[in-house]
């Protein structure tokens, strides 16, 4: 069944890495309630939650997506681009190892899962402040024998590729074209975020439903006008830590328990 690995919000979340946002006070209790609501949204869509405990030693650990990719055949534990996050790999290896054989990226590669947009057998990987060319090359070498294609995408102005764009399904890429080289994507229609909501390009597609931050109503309306069902979730405190709906989970198919 569809499964999502998540992790609790650490007490130290407010001390996490920031790249394109100014630091602002974070109410941890509210962040935890919002994270719980996010998990409930996934459960309502038939997703089983594998909830890992918070790791206070790693402020950004709630953003599990960055530390591993889970594909049909294998899991890849990444080499995070922020030095402060490298230690998260140990517990994540155990977590994904319950479901898939595990491979690892290694130095000099850096790669955050938030830079990976998968559309079928193509993985578009952002060349960003967190992911370097070596990371893209190592991932390609791992996945090419399995029939995947890995393509690099220039990212500018955003932390990750998934900050700039995500695949909504039905052949539509939701994107802020100013933040990523969307011309690299093939066989998709680019649906631009509302001009007043440059951060609105991140949605999590679960079957035929999209989970997105509630703070982007104009972009949500554009998606609904195209026939998508959208579940808005208040993620205000997690957004202060430069997070969004995709980075809070790793979603994949797993055998029924």
Protein backbone atom coordinates (compact mmCIF):
# COMPACT_ATOMS: atom_id res chain seq x y z
CA UNK A 1 0.00 0.00 0.00
CA UNK A 2 1.00 3.62 -0.35
CA UNK A 3 3.33 4.46 2.55
CA UNK A 4 4.86 7.73 3.76
CA UNK A 5 7.91 8.01 5.98
CA UNK A 6 7.63 11.11 8.16
CA UNK A 7 9.54 12.38 11.19
CA UNK A 8 8.50 14.38 14.21
CA UNK A 9 9.30 18.09 14.56
CA UNK A 10 12.43 18.68 16.62
CA UNK A 11 12.67 21.19 19.47
CA UNK A 12 15.53 22.78 17.54
CA UNK A 13 13.62 23.43 14.29
CA UNK A 14 14.14 27.19 14.57
CA UNK A 15 17.92 26.66 14.30
CA UNK A 16 17.78 24.88 10.95
CA UNK A 17 19.51 25.92 7.74
CA UNK A 18 18.06 28.84 5.78
CA UNK A 19 19.09 29.91 2.29
CA UNK A 20 16.37 32.03 0.66
CA UNK A 21 14.22 32.98 3.66
CA UNK A 22 14.93 35.35 6.52
CA UNK A 23 14.93 33.79 9.97
CA UNK A 24 11.68 34.25 11.89
CA UNK A 25 10.43 32.95 15.25
CA UNK A 26 8.89 29.47 15.02
CA UNK A 27 6.24 28.25 17.44
CA UNK A 28 7.21 24.61 17.91
CA UNK A 29 3.90 23.50 19.40
CA UNK A 30 2.04 24.95 16.41
CA UNK A 31 4.54 23.43 13.99
CA UNK A 32 3.83 20.03 15.55
CA UNK A 33 0.08 20.49 15.25
CA UNK A 34 0.49 21.50 11.61
CA UNK A 35 2.69 18.48 10.96
CA UNK A 36 0.07 16.23 12.53
CA UNK A 37 -2.61 17.78 10.30
CA UNK A 38 -0.37 17.11 7.31
CA UNK A 39 -0.08 13.46 8.31
CA UNK A 40 -3.85 13.25 8.76
CA UNK A 41 -4.32 14.64 5.24
CA UNK A 42 -2.18 11.82 3.89
CA UNK A 43 -4.03 9.24 5.98
CA UNK A 44 -7.34 10.53 4.58
CA UNK A 45 -5.99 9.67 1.13
CA UNK A 46 -5.26 6.07 2.13
CA UNK A 47 -1.58 6.51 2.96
CA UNK A 48 0.00 4.49 5.77
CA UNK A 49 2.30 6.64 7.92
CA UNK A 50 5.65 5.33 9.15
CA UNK A 51 6.38 8.05 11.70
CA UNK A 52 9.97 8.32 12.89
CA UNK A 53 10.82 10.06 16.18
CA UNK A 54 12.13 13.61 16.16
CA UNK A 55 15.90 14.07 16.24
CA UNK A 56 16.74 17.21 18.18
CA UNK A 57 20.41 16.96 17.15
CA UNK A 58 19.29 17.67 13.59
CA UNK A 59 16.99 20.72 13.35
CA UNK A 60 15.99 20.01 9.73
CA UNK A 61 15.36 16.28 10.17
CA UNK A 62 11.58 16.72 9.82
CA UNK A 63 12.27 17.36 6.12
CA UNK A 64 12.85 13.67 5.45
CA UNK A 65 12.59 13.90 1.67
CA UNK A 66 16.07 15.39 1.39
CA UNK A 67 17.83 12.38 2.90
CA UNK A 68 16.50 9.52 0.76
CA UNK A 69 14.84 8.59 -2.51
CA UNK A 70 12.67 5.48 -2.61
CA UNK A 71 12.10 4.02 -6.06
CA UNK A 72 10.39 0.79 -7.03
CA UNK A 73 13.63 -1.19 -7.05
CA UNK A 74 15.92 0.45 -4.49
CA UNK A 75 16.26 3.24 -1.95
CA UNK A 76 19.06 5.78 -2.31
CA UNK A 77 20.31 7.51 0.83
CA UNK A 78 21.60 10.85 -0.36
CA UNK A 79 24.57 12.96 0.60
CA UNK A 80 22.86 16.12 1.90
CA UNK A 81 24.20 19.44 0.75
CA UNK A 82 24.11 20.97 4.24
CA UNK A 83 26.87 19.61 6.48
CA UNK A 84 24.53 19.89 9.47
CA UNK A 85 22.27 17.23 7.93
CA UNK A 86 24.82 14.54 7.04
CA UNK A 87 24.24 12.69 10.32
CA UNK A 88 20.59 12.09 9.44
CA UNK A 89 21.66 9.38 6.99
CA UNK A 90 22.23 6.75 9.69
CA UNK A 91 18.67 6.55 10.98
CA UNK A 92 17.22 7.05 7.50
CA UNK A 93 19.20 4.08 6.21
CA UNK A 94 17.46 1.91 8.81
CA UNK A 95 14.07 3.40 8.00
CA UNK A 96 14.15 2.87 4.23
CA UNK A 97 16.00 -0.42 4.61
CA UNK A 98 12.79 -1.99 5.89
CA UNK A 99 11.29 -1.54 2.43
CA UNK A 100 14.07 -1.61 -0.19
CA UNK A 101 17.71 -2.55 -0.75
CA UNK A 102 19.72 0.57 0.08
CA UNK A 103 22.41 2.35 -1.94
CA UNK A 104 24.36 5.43 -0.84
CA UNK A 105 25.81 8.49 -2.52
CA UNK A 106 29.22 9.57 -1.30
CA UNK A 107 31.58 12.56 -1.33
CA UNK A 108 32.27 14.63 -3.34
CA UNK A 109 28.61 14.21 -4.30
CA UNK A 110 25.98 16.32 -2.62
CA UNK A 111 22.31 15.75 -3.36
CA UNK A 112 19.08 16.63 -1.56
CA UNK A 113 15.94 14.66 -2.37
CA UNK A 114 14.10 17.97 -2.58
CA UNK A 115 15.96 18.54 -5.84
CA UNK A 116 14.47 15.42 -7.49
CA UNK A 117 11.27 15.61 -9.54
CA UNK A 118 10.29 12.20 -10.86
CA UNK A 119 8.05 11.84 -13.90
CA UNK A 120 7.77 8.19 -14.83
CA UNK A 121 11.24 6.78 -15.49
CA UNK A 122 12.85 10.23 -15.76
CA UNK A 123 14.34 11.92 -12.70
CA UNK A 124 14.90 15.64 -13.14
CA UNK A 125 17.50 16.77 -10.60
CA UNK A 126 18.09 20.37 -9.64
CA UNK A 127 21.61 21.74 -9.79
CA UNK A 128 21.26 23.93 -6.74
CA UNK A 129 22.98 25.21 -3.63
CA UNK A 130 22.39 21.75 -2.10
CA UNK A 131 22.97 19.43 -5.09
CA UNK A 132 26.13 19.41 -7.20
CA UNK A 133 27.03 17.86 -10.53
CA UNK A 134 28.79 14.96 -8.83
CA UNK A 135 25.56 14.13 -7.01
CA UNK A 136 23.64 14.13 -10.28
CA UNK A 137 26.32 11.97 -11.94
CA UNK A 138 26.42 9.43 -9.10
CA UNK A 139 22.65 9.14 -9.05
CA UNK A 140 22.62 8.61 -12.79
CA UNK A 141 25.26 5.88 -12.53
CA UNK A 142 23.18 4.08 -9.89
CA UNK A 143 19.88 4.33 -11.70
CA UNK A 144 20.78 3.98 -15.37
CA UNK A 145 21.14 0.17 -15.11
CA UNK A 146 17.60 0.10 -13.71
CA UNK A 147 16.20 1.90 -16.74
CA UNK A 148 15.97 5.42 -15.31
CA UNK A 149 17.15 8.60 -17.00
CA UNK A 150 18.63 11.34 -14.80
CA UNK A 151 18.68 14.90 -16.16
CA UNK A 152 20.09 18.02 -14.52
CA UNK A 153 18.04 21.20 -14.21
CA UNK A 154 19.52 24.59 -13.33
CA UNK A 155 17.92 26.12 -10.22
CA UNK A 156 18.29 29.78 -9.27
CA UNK A 157 16.47 31.74 -6.59
CA UNK A 158 15.10 28.71 -4.76
CA UNK A 159 16.47 26.20 -2.28
CA UNK A 160 15.44 23.11 -4.25
CA UNK A 161 13.99 22.18 -7.61
CA UNK A 162 10.79 21.15 -5.82
CA UNK A 163 10.55 24.65 -4.38
CA UNK A 164 10.33 25.89 -7.96
CA UNK A 165 8.28 23.12 -9.56
CA UNK A 166 6.51 19.82 -8.94
CA UNK A 167 4.67 17.35 -11.11
CA UNK A 168 0.95 17.62 -10.43
CA UNK A 169 0.00 14.73 -12.70
CA UNK A 170 -2.08 14.62 -15.91
CA UNK A 171 0.92 15.93 -17.84
CA UNK A 172 1.07 19.21 -15.88
CA UNK A 173 4.17 20.66 -14.22
CA UNK A 174 3.30 23.36 -11.69
CA UNK A 175 6.19 25.81 -11.78
CA UNK A 176 7.69 29.17 -11.09
CA UNK A 177 9.65 29.41 -14.36
CA UNK A 178 11.85 32.18 -12.96
CA UNK A 179 13.42 29.76 -10.50
CA UNK A 180 14.16 26.72 -12.68
CA UNK A 181 15.05 25.89 -16.27
CA UNK A 182 11.70 24.32 -17.08
CA UNK A 183 12.64 23.98 -20.76
CA UNK A 184 14.51 20.79 -19.77
CA UNK A 185 11.21 19.05 -19.00
CA UNK A 186 9.70 17.13 -21.90
CA UNK A 187 6.13 16.11 -22.68
CA UNK A 188 4.61 18.31 -19.98
CA UNK A 189 2.52 21.46 -19.92
CA UNK A 190 3.91 24.21 -17.71
CA UNK A 191 1.25 25.66 -15.42
CA UNK A 192 2.75 28.79 -13.88
CA UNK A 193 2.08 29.68 -10.27
CA UNK A 194 0.19 32.89 -9.64
CA UNK A 195 2.54 35.86 -9.95
CA UNK A 196 1.71 36.93 -6.38
CA UNK A 197 2.64 33.48 -5.02
CA UNK A 198 6.19 32.69 -6.22
CA UNK A 199 6.59 30.00 -3.53
CA UNK A 200 3.44 28.16 -4.64
CA UNK A 201 5.06 25.60 -6.94
CA UNK A 202 5.32 22.77 -4.42
CA UNK A 203 2.48 20.24 -4.33
CA UNK A 204 2.44 16.62 -3.22
CA UNK A 205 0.47 14.41 -5.59
CA UNK A 206 -1.25 11.45 -3.93
CA UNK A 207 -3.16 9.49 -6.54
CA UNK A 208 -5.50 12.10 -8.08
CA UNK A 209 -5.31 14.59 -5.19
CA UNK A 210 -2.81 17.35 -4.46
CA UNK A 211 -1.69 18.36 -0.98
CA UNK A 212 -0.40 21.93 -0.86
CA UNK A 213 0.27 24.73 1.60
CA UNK A 214 -2.85 26.74 2.41
CA UNK A 215 -0.98 30.02 1.90
CA UNK A 216 -1.28 29.90 -1.90
CA UNK A 217 -5.02 30.24 -2.64
CA UNK A 218 -4.54 31.84 -6.06
CA UNK A 219 -2.35 29.01 -7.31
CA UNK A 220 -4.73 26.52 -5.74
CA UNK A 221 -7.57 28.08 -7.75
CA UNK A 222 -5.55 27.64 -10.95
CA UNK A 223 -5.12 23.95 -10.18
CA UNK A 224 -8.79 23.48 -9.31
CA UNK A 225 -9.76 25.21 -12.55
CA UNK A 226 -7.81 22.46 -14.33
CA UNK A 227 -9.83 19.80 -12.53
CA UNK A 228 -7.49 18.91 -9.67
CA UNK A 229 -8.75 18.17 -6.18
CA UNK A 230 -6.57 20.09 -3.73
CA UNK A 231 -6.26 19.64 0.03
CA UNK A 232 -4.81 22.82 1.59
CA UNK A 233 -2.84 22.35 4.81
CA UNK A 234 -1.61 25.15 7.05
CA UNK A 235 2.19 24.81 7.12
CA UNK A 236 3.07 28.35 8.19
CA UNK A 237 5.61 27.41 10.87
CA UNK A 238 7.31 24.78 8.73
CA UNK A 239 7.47 27.23 5.83
CA UNK A 240 9.49 29.55 8.06
CA UNK A 241 12.09 26.76 8.10
CA UNK A 242 12.03 26.70 4.28
CA UNK A 243 9.84 23.61 4.15
CA UNK A 244 6.82 22.62 2.10
CA UNK A 245 4.44 19.73 1.50
CA UNK A 246 6.79 17.49 -0.47
CA UNK A 247 9.77 17.61 1.88
CA UNK A 248 7.81 16.39 4.91
CA UNK A 249 7.42 12.84 3.61
CA UNK A 250 8.88 10.12 1.41
CA UNK A 251 5.96 8.43 -0.35
CA UNK A 252 6.18 5.04 -2.07
CA UNK A 253 4.39 1.74 -2.53
CA UNK A 254 5.14 -0.95 0.05
CA UNK A 255 3.70 -4.40 0.77
CA UNK A 256 0.74 -4.51 3.12
CA UNK A 257 1.78 -5.04 6.72
